[in-house]
């Protein structure tokens, strides 16, 4: 039987609250820290430049209406 995400979270919380093994707790803490990595650091320079260009375009008012973007990119949405 497949548990939903809320049930899994509760089970993990209950298990963690009874855990006394310091090495497992340290592994969990390292996992938690690794999840805090800034996504910006994990994208390519080309992706960063594209985002920055989009932000500059938006700040300068060089934008297309939503309806036009939907026509262009609708097949991927």
PDB file of N, CA and C in Angstrom:
ATOM      1  N   UNK A   1       0.838  -1.181   0.000  1.00  0.00           N
ATOM      2  CA  UNK A   1       0.000   0.000   0.000  1.00  0.00           C
ATOM      3  C   UNK A   1       0.885   1.248   0.000  1.00  0.00           C
ATOM      4  N   UNK A   2       0.623   2.151  -0.911  1.00  0.00           N
ATOM      5  CA  UNK A   2       1.428   3.353  -1.057  1.00  0.00           C
ATOM      6  C   UNK A   2       0.892   4.449  -0.142  1.00  0.00           C
ATOM      7  N   UNK A   3       1.770   4.947   0.761  1.00  0.00           N
ATOM      8  CA  UNK A   3       1.352   6.002   1.684  1.00  0.00           C
ATOM      9  C   UNK A   3       1.424   7.354   0.987  1.00  0.00           C
ATOM     10  N   UNK A   4       0.505   8.238   1.348  1.00  0.00           N
ATOM     11  CA  UNK A   4       0.603   9.573   0.787  1.00  0.00           C
ATOM     12  C   UNK A   4       1.696  10.344   1.530  1.00  0.00           C
ATOM     13  N   UNK A   5       2.057  11.489   1.009  1.00  0.00           N
ATOM     14  CA  UNK A   5       3.191  12.247   1.527  1.00  0.00           C
ATOM     15  C   UNK A   5       3.006  12.661   2.986  1.00  0.00           C
ATOM     16  N   UNK A   6       1.786  13.023   3.377  1.00  0.00           N
ATOM     17  CA  UNK A   6       1.555  13.434   4.765  1.00  0.00           C
ATOM     18  C   UNK A   6       1.782  12.275   5.730  1.00  0.00           C
ATOM     19  N   UNK A   7       1.331  11.088   5.348  1.00  0.00           N
ATOM     20  CA  UNK A   7       1.552   9.911   6.194  1.00  0.00           C
ATOM     21  C   UNK A   7       3.039   9.603   6.316  1.00  0.00           C
ATOM     22  N   UNK A   8       3.764   9.766   5.233  1.00  0.00           N
ATOM     23  CA  UNK A   8       5.208   9.521   5.254  1.00  0.00           C
ATOM     24  C   UNK A   8       5.918  10.519   6.162  1.00  0.00           C
ATOM     25  N   UNK A   9       5.499  11.773   6.106  1.00  0.00           N
ATOM     26  CA  UNK A   9       6.101  12.794   6.967  1.00  0.00           C
ATOM     27  C   UNK A   9       5.864  12.462   8.441  1.00  0.00           C
ATOM     28  N   UNK A  10       4.646  12.090   8.758  1.00  0.00           N
ATOM     29  CA  UNK A  10       4.310  11.749  10.142  1.00  0.00           C
ATOM     30  C   UNK A  10       5.132  10.558  10.607  1.00  0.00           C
ATOM     31  N   UNK A  11       5.239   9.552   9.768  1.00  0.00           N
ATOM     32  CA  UNK A  11       6.031   8.375  10.129  1.00  0.00           C
ATOM     33  C   UNK A  11       7.493   8.753  10.371  1.00  0.00           C
ATOM     34  N   UNK A  12       8.038   9.605   9.513  1.00  0.00           N
ATOM     35  CA  UNK A  12       9.426  10.044   9.701  1.00  0.00           C
ATOM     36  C   UNK A  12       9.598  10.856  10.981  1.00  0.00           C
ATOM     37  N   UNK A  13       8.666  11.726  11.266  1.00  0.00           N
ATOM     38  CA  UNK A  13       8.731  12.528  12.499  1.00  0.00           C
ATOM     39  C   UNK A  13       8.702  11.625  13.721  1.00  0.00           C
ATOM     40  N   UNK A  14       7.802  10.670  13.701  1.00  0.00           N
ATOM     41  CA  UNK A  14       7.706   9.742  14.838  1.00  0.00           C
ATOM     42  C   UNK A  14       8.998   8.952  14.998  1.00  0.00           C
ATOM     43  N   UNK A  15       9.535   8.459  13.894  1.00  0.00           N
ATOM     44  CA  UNK A  15      10.786   7.687  13.941  1.00  0.00           C
ATOM     45  C   UNK A  15      11.935   8.557  14.437  1.00  0.00           C
ATOM     46  N   UNK A  16      12.029   9.785  13.908  1.00  0.00           N
ATOM     47  CA  UNK A  16      13.104  10.688  14.286  1.00  0.00           C
ATOM     48  C   UNK A  16      13.037  11.052  15.769  1.00  0.00           C
ATOM     49  N   UNK A  17      11.837  11.193  16.301  1.00  0.00           N
ATOM     50  CA  UNK A  17      11.693  11.576  17.711  1.00  0.00           C
ATOM     51  C   UNK A  17      12.176  10.486  18.664  1.00  0.00           C
ATOM     52  N   UNK A  18      12.276   9.263  18.189  1.00  0.00           N
ATOM     53  CA  UNK A  18      12.745   8.172  19.047  1.00  0.00           C
ATOM     54  C   UNK A  18      14.188   7.767  18.752  1.00  0.00           C
ATOM     55  N   UNK A  19      14.797   8.386  17.777  1.00  0.00           N
ATOM     56  CA  UNK A  19      16.126   8.015  17.312  1.00  0.00           C
ATOM     57  C   UNK A  19      17.209   8.466  18.282  1.00  0.00           C
ATOM     58  N   UNK A  20      18.126   7.566  18.621  1.00  0.00           N
ATOM     59  CA  UNK A  20      19.239   7.886  19.501  1.00  0.00           C
ATOM     60  C   UNK A  20      20.599   7.742  18.813  1.00  0.00           C
ATOM     61  N   UNK A  21      20.604   7.258  17.598  1.00  0.00           N
ATOM     62  CA  UNK A  21      21.848   7.019  16.867  1.00  0.00           C
ATOM     63  C   UNK A  21      22.369   8.346  16.290  1.00  0.00           C
ATOM     64  N   UNK A  22      23.460   8.853  16.894  1.00  0.00           N
ATOM     65  CA  UNK A  22      23.998  10.148  16.488  1.00  0.00           C
ATOM     66  C   UNK A  22      24.471  10.160  15.045  1.00  0.00           C
ATOM     67  N   UNK A  23      25.000   9.056  14.558  1.00  0.00           N
ATOM     68  CA  UNK A  23      25.505   9.035  13.185  1.00  0.00           C
ATOM     69  C   UNK A  23      24.363   9.197  12.180  1.00  0.00           C
ATOM     70  N   UNK A  24      23.228   8.600  12.450  1.00  0.00           N
ATOM     71  CA  UNK A  24      22.078   8.752  11.552  1.00  0.00           C
ATOM     72  C   UNK A  24      21.554  10.185  11.617  1.00  0.00           C
ATOM     73  N   UNK A  25      21.511  10.744  12.815  1.00  0.00           N
ATOM     74  CA  UNK A  25      21.056  12.128  12.967  1.00  0.00           C
ATOM     75  C   UNK A  25      21.981  13.071  12.195  1.00  0.00           C
ATOM     76  N   UNK A  26      23.294  12.836  12.261  1.00  0.00           N
ATOM     77  CA  UNK A  26      24.252  13.662  11.520  1.00  0.00           C
ATOM     78  C   UNK A  26      24.040  13.529  10.012  1.00  0.00           C
ATOM     79  N   UNK A  27      23.768  12.316   9.534  1.00  0.00           N
ATOM     80  CA  UNK A  27      23.501  12.107   8.107  1.00  0.00           C
ATOM     81  C   UNK A  27      22.251  12.874   7.683  1.00  0.00           C
ATOM     82  N   UNK A  28      21.237  12.859   8.506  1.00  0.00           N
ATOM     83  CA  UNK A  28      19.996  13.580   8.202  1.00  0.00           C
ATOM     84  C   UNK A  28      20.263  15.086   8.175  1.00  0.00           C
ATOM     85  N   UNK A  29      21.067  15.565   9.106  1.00  0.00           N
ATOM     86  CA  UNK A  29      21.397  16.989   9.136  1.00  0.00           C
ATOM     87  C   UNK A  29      22.183  17.397   7.883  1.00  0.00           C
ATOM     88  N   UNK A  30      23.102  16.552   7.426  1.00  0.00           N
ATOM     89  CA  UNK A  30      23.858  16.839   6.201  1.00  0.00           C
ATOM     90  C   UNK A  30      22.932  16.858   4.996  1.00  0.00           C
ATOM     91  N   UNK A  31      21.998  15.932   4.951  1.00  0.00           N
ATOM     92  CA  UNK A  31      21.020  15.905   3.867  1.00  0.00           C
ATOM     93  C   UNK A  31      20.210  17.195   3.869  1.00  0.00           C
ATOM     94  N   UNK A  32      19.782  17.602   5.042  1.00  0.00           N
ATOM     95  CA  UNK A  32      18.998  18.838   5.175  1.00  0.00           C
ATOM     96  C   UNK A  32      19.793  20.042   4.679  1.00  0.00           C
ATOM     97  N   UNK A  33      21.065  20.119   5.044  1.00  0.00           N
ATOM     98  CA  UNK A  33      21.906  21.229   4.608  1.00  0.00           C
ATOM     99  C   UNK A  33      22.098  21.219   3.093  1.00  0.00           C
ATOM    100  N   UNK A  34      22.238  20.028   2.523  1.00  0.00           N
ATOM    101  CA  UNK A  34      22.437  19.942   1.073  1.00  0.00           C
ATOM    102  C   UNK A  34      21.200  20.400   0.307  1.00  0.00           C
ATOM    103  N   UNK A  35      20.041  20.326   0.933  1.00  0.00           N
ATOM    104  CA  UNK A  35      18.801  20.761   0.304  1.00  0.00           C
ATOM    105  C   UNK A  35      18.672  22.279   0.289  1.00  0.00           C
ATOM    106  N   UNK A  36      19.503  22.965   1.043  1.00  0.00           N
ATOM    107  CA  UNK A  36      19.441  24.419   1.125  1.00  0.00           C
ATOM    108  C   UNK A  36      20.279  25.099   0.050  1.00  0.00           C
ATOM    109  N   UNK A  37      20.869  24.344  -0.838  1.00  0.00           N
ATOM    110  CA  UNK A  37      21.724  24.906  -1.879  1.00  0.00           C
ATOM    111  C   UNK A  37      20.904  25.840  -2.770  1.00  0.00           C
ATOM    112  N   UNK A  38      21.473  26.984  -3.055  1.00  0.00           N
ATOM    113  CA  UNK A  38      20.808  27.984  -3.891  1.00  0.00           C
ATOM    114  C   UNK A  38      20.770  27.492  -5.332  1.00  0.00           C
ATOM    115  N   UNK A  39      19.592  27.409  -5.913  1.00  0.00           N
ATOM    116  CA  UNK A  39      19.441  26.908  -7.281  1.00  0.00           C
ATOM    117  C   UNK A  39      20.237  27.734  -8.272  1.00  0.00           C
ATOM    118  N   UNK A  40      20.455  29.010  -7.978  1.00  0.00           N
ATOM    119  CA  UNK A  40      21.200  29.877  -8.883  1.00  0.00           C
ATOM    120  C   UNK A  40      22.609  29.331  -9.116  1.00  0.00           C
ATOM    121  N   UNK A  41      23.173  28.719  -8.104  1.00  0.00           N
ATOM    122  CA  UNK A  41      24.524  28.171  -8.215  1.00  0.00           C
ATOM    123  C   UNK A  41      24.570  26.905  -9.058  1.00  0.00           C
ATOM    124  N   UNK A  42      23.437  26.312  -9.339  1.00  0.00           N
ATOM    125  CA  UNK A  42      23.382  25.041 -10.057  1.00  0.00           C
ATOM    126  C   UNK A  42      22.931  25.175 -11.505  1.00  0.00           C
ATOM    127  N   UNK A  43      22.767  26.407 -11.986  1.00  0.00           N
ATOM    128  CA  UNK A  43      22.365  26.577 -13.382  1.00  0.00           C
ATOM    129  C   UNK A  43      23.554  27.098 -14.179  1.00  0.00           C
ATOM    130  N   UNK A  44      23.482  26.934 -15.488  1.00  0.00           N
ATOM    131  CA  UNK A  44      24.601  27.330 -16.358  1.00  0.00           C
ATOM    132  C   UNK A  44      24.684  28.848 -16.487  1.00  0.00           C
ATOM    133  N   UNK A  45      25.839  29.313 -16.952  1.00  0.00           N
ATOM    134  CA  UNK A  45      26.009  30.747 -17.197  1.00  0.00           C
ATOM    135  C   UNK A  45      25.035  31.233 -18.254  1.00  0.00           C
ATOM    136  N   UNK A  46      24.768  30.408 -19.256  1.00  0.00           N
ATOM    137  CA  UNK A  46      23.812  30.771 -20.299  1.00  0.00           C
ATOM    138  C   UNK A  46      22.415  30.968 -19.701  1.00  0.00           C
ATOM    139  N   UNK A  47      22.013  30.083 -18.791  1.00  0.00           N
ATOM    140  CA  UNK A  47      20.708  30.224 -18.133  1.00  0.00           C
ATOM    141  C   UNK A  47      20.662  31.487 -17.277  1.00  0.00           C
ATOM    142  N   UNK A  48      21.760  31.762 -16.572  1.00  0.00           N
ATOM    143  CA  UNK A  48      21.825  32.984 -15.753  1.00  0.00           C
ATOM    144  C   UNK A  48      21.685  34.227 -16.620  1.00  0.00           C
ATOM    145  N   UNK A  49      22.410  34.255 -17.750  1.00  0.00           N
ATOM    146  CA  UNK A  49      22.340  35.405 -18.646  1.00  0.00           C
ATOM    147  C   UNK A  49      20.927  35.585 -19.196  1.00  0.00           C
ATOM    148  N   UNK A  50      20.268  34.475 -19.516  1.00  0.00           N
ATOM    149  CA  UNK A  50      18.910  34.538 -20.040  1.00  0.00           C
ATOM    150  C   UNK A  50      17.947  35.113 -18.996  1.00  0.00           C
ATOM    151  N   UNK A  51      18.084  34.686 -17.767  1.00  0.00           N
ATOM    152  CA  UNK A  51      17.235  35.198 -16.685  1.00  0.00           C
ATOM    153  C   UNK A  51      17.497  36.680 -16.466  1.00  0.00           C
ATOM    154  N   UNK A  52      18.778  37.044 -16.428  1.00  0.00           N
ATOM    155  CA  UNK A  52      19.131  38.448 -16.227  1.00  0.00           C
ATOM    156  C   UNK A  52      18.597  39.318 -17.366  1.00  0.00           C
ATOM    157  N   UNK A  53      18.670  38.815 -18.603  1.00  0.00           N
ATOM    158  CA  UNK A  53      18.139  39.555 -19.749  1.00  0.00           C
ATOM    159  C   UNK A  53      16.623  39.731 -19.609  1.00  0.00           C
ATOM    160  N   UNK A  54      15.947  38.678 -19.192  1.00  0.00           N
ATOM    161  CA  UNK A  54      14.508  38.764 -18.983  1.00  0.00           C
ATOM    162  C   UNK A  54      14.140  39.775 -17.917  1.00  0.00           C
ATOM    163  N   UNK A  55      14.934  39.824 -16.854  1.00  0.00           N
ATOM    164  CA  UNK A  55      14.675  40.791 -15.791  1.00  0.00           C
ATOM    165  C   UNK A  55      14.905  42.223 -16.290  1.00  0.00           C
ATOM    166  N   UNK A  56      15.960  42.414 -17.096  1.00  0.00           N
ATOM    167  CA  UNK A  56      16.218  43.732 -17.675  1.00  0.00           C
ATOM    168  C   UNK A  56      15.091  44.140 -18.619  1.00  0.00           C
ATOM    169  N   UNK A  57      14.633  43.194 -19.436  1.00  0.00           N
ATOM    170  CA  UNK A  57      13.528  43.475 -20.350  1.00  0.00           C
ATOM    171  C   UNK A  57      12.271  43.879 -19.582  1.00  0.00           C
ATOM    172  N   UNK A  58      11.981  43.156 -18.522  1.00  0.00           N
ATOM    173  CA  UNK A  58      10.789  43.460 -17.724  1.00  0.00           C
ATOM    174  C   UNK A  58      10.907  44.839 -17.073  1.00  0.00           C
ATOM    175  N   UNK A  59      12.089  45.142 -16.545  1.00  0.00           N
ATOM    176  CA  UNK A  59      12.291  46.437 -15.897  1.00  0.00           C
ATOM    177  C   UNK A  59      12.179  47.584 -16.892  1.00  0.00           C
ATOM    178  N   UNK A  60      12.513  47.318 -18.150  1.00  0.00           N
ATOM    179  CA  UNK A  60      12.453  48.350 -19.193  1.00  0.00           C
ATOM    180  C   UNK A  60      11.110  48.382 -19.917  1.00  0.00           C
ATOM    181  N   UNK A  61      10.203  47.503 -19.540  1.00  0.00           N
ATOM    182  CA  UNK A  61       8.888  47.478 -20.158  1.00  0.00           C
ATOM    183  C   UNK A  61       8.832  46.729 -21.474  1.00  0.00           C
ATOM    184  N   UNK A  62       9.910  46.007 -21.810  1.00  0.00           N
ATOM    185  CA  UNK A  62       9.933  45.226 -23.049  1.00  0.00           C
ATOM    186  C   UNK A  62       9.349  43.838 -22.778  1.00  0.00           C
ATOM    187  N   UNK A  63       8.024  43.778 -22.724  1.00  0.00           N
ATOM    188  CA  UNK A  63       7.342  42.529 -22.422  1.00  0.00           C
ATOM    189  C   UNK A  63       6.257  42.273 -23.449  1.00  0.00           C
ATOM    190  N   UNK A  64       5.886  41.012 -23.573  1.00  0.00           N
ATOM    191  CA  UNK A  64       4.794  40.595 -24.456  1.00  0.00           C
ATOM    192  C   UNK A  64       3.581  40.288 -23.587  1.00  0.00           C
ATOM    193  N   UNK A  65       2.388  40.479 -24.110  1.00  0.00           N
ATOM    194  CA  UNK A  65       1.193  40.137 -23.334  1.00  0.00           C
ATOM    195  C   UNK A  65       1.103  38.616 -23.113  1.00  0.00           C
ATOM    196  N   UNK A  66       0.432  38.236 -22.054  1.00  0.00           N
ATOM    197  CA  UNK A  66       0.275  36.831 -21.703  1.00  0.00           C
ATOM    198  C   UNK A  66      -0.314  36.026 -22.864  1.00  0.00           C
ATOM    199  N   UNK A  67      -1.275  36.604 -23.565  1.00  0.00           N
ATOM    200  CA  UNK A  67      -1.931  35.894 -24.670  1.00  0.00           C
ATOM    201  C   UNK A  67      -0.920  35.541 -25.768  1.00  0.00           C
ATOM    202  N   UNK A  68       0.024  36.425 -26.025  1.00  0.00           N
ATOM    203  CA  UNK A  68       1.035  36.153 -27.042  1.00  0.00           C
ATOM    204  C   UNK A  68       2.015  35.070 -26.575  1.00  0.00           C
ATOM    205  N   UNK A  69       2.407  35.140 -25.330  1.00  0.00           N
ATOM    206  CA  UNK A  69       3.302  34.118 -24.778  1.00  0.00           C
ATOM    207  C   UNK A  69       2.616  32.753 -24.786  1.00  0.00           C
ATOM    208  N   UNK A  70       1.341  32.746 -24.481  1.00  0.00           N
ATOM    209  CA  UNK A  70       0.577  31.494 -24.468  1.00  0.00           C
ATOM    210  C   UNK A  70       0.546  30.868 -25.864  1.00  0.00           C
ATOM    211  N   UNK A  71       0.410  31.705 -26.896  1.00  0.00           N
ATOM    212  CA  UNK A  71       0.418  31.195 -28.273  1.00  0.00           C
ATOM    213  C   UNK A  71       1.777  30.581 -28.605  1.00  0.00           C
ATOM    214  N   UNK A  72       2.845  31.250 -28.200  1.00  0.00           N
ATOM    215  CA  UNK A  72       4.190  30.775 -28.502  1.00  0.00           C
ATOM    216  C   UNK A  72       4.560  29.497 -27.757  1.00  0.00           C
ATOM    217  N   UNK A  73       4.215  29.448 -26.467  1.00  0.00           N
ATOM    218  CA  UNK A  73       4.692  28.365 -25.609  1.00  0.00           C
ATOM    219  C   UNK A  73       3.601  27.395 -25.171  1.00  0.00           C
ATOM    220  N   UNK A  74       2.404  27.577 -25.665  1.00  0.00           N
ATOM    221  CA  UNK A  74       1.265  26.755 -25.258  1.00  0.00           C
ATOM    222  C   UNK A  74       1.477  25.269 -25.428  1.00  0.00           C
ATOM    223  N   UNK A  75       2.192  24.893 -26.474  1.00  0.00           N
ATOM    224  CA  UNK A  75       2.374  23.445 -26.725  1.00  0.00           C
ATOM    225  C   UNK A  75       3.245  22.789 -25.666  1.00  0.00           C
ATOM    226  N   UNK A  76       4.014  23.563 -24.897  1.00  0.00           N
ATOM    227  CA  UNK A  76       4.851  22.988 -23.837  1.00  0.00           C
ATOM    228  C   UNK A  76       4.202  23.087 -22.464  1.00  0.00           C
ATOM    229  N   UNK A  77       3.094  23.770 -22.385  1.00  0.00           N
ATOM    230  CA  UNK A  77       2.447  23.951 -21.078  1.00  0.00           C
ATOM    231  C   UNK A  77       1.382  22.916 -20.827  1.00  0.00           C
TER     232      UNK A  77
END
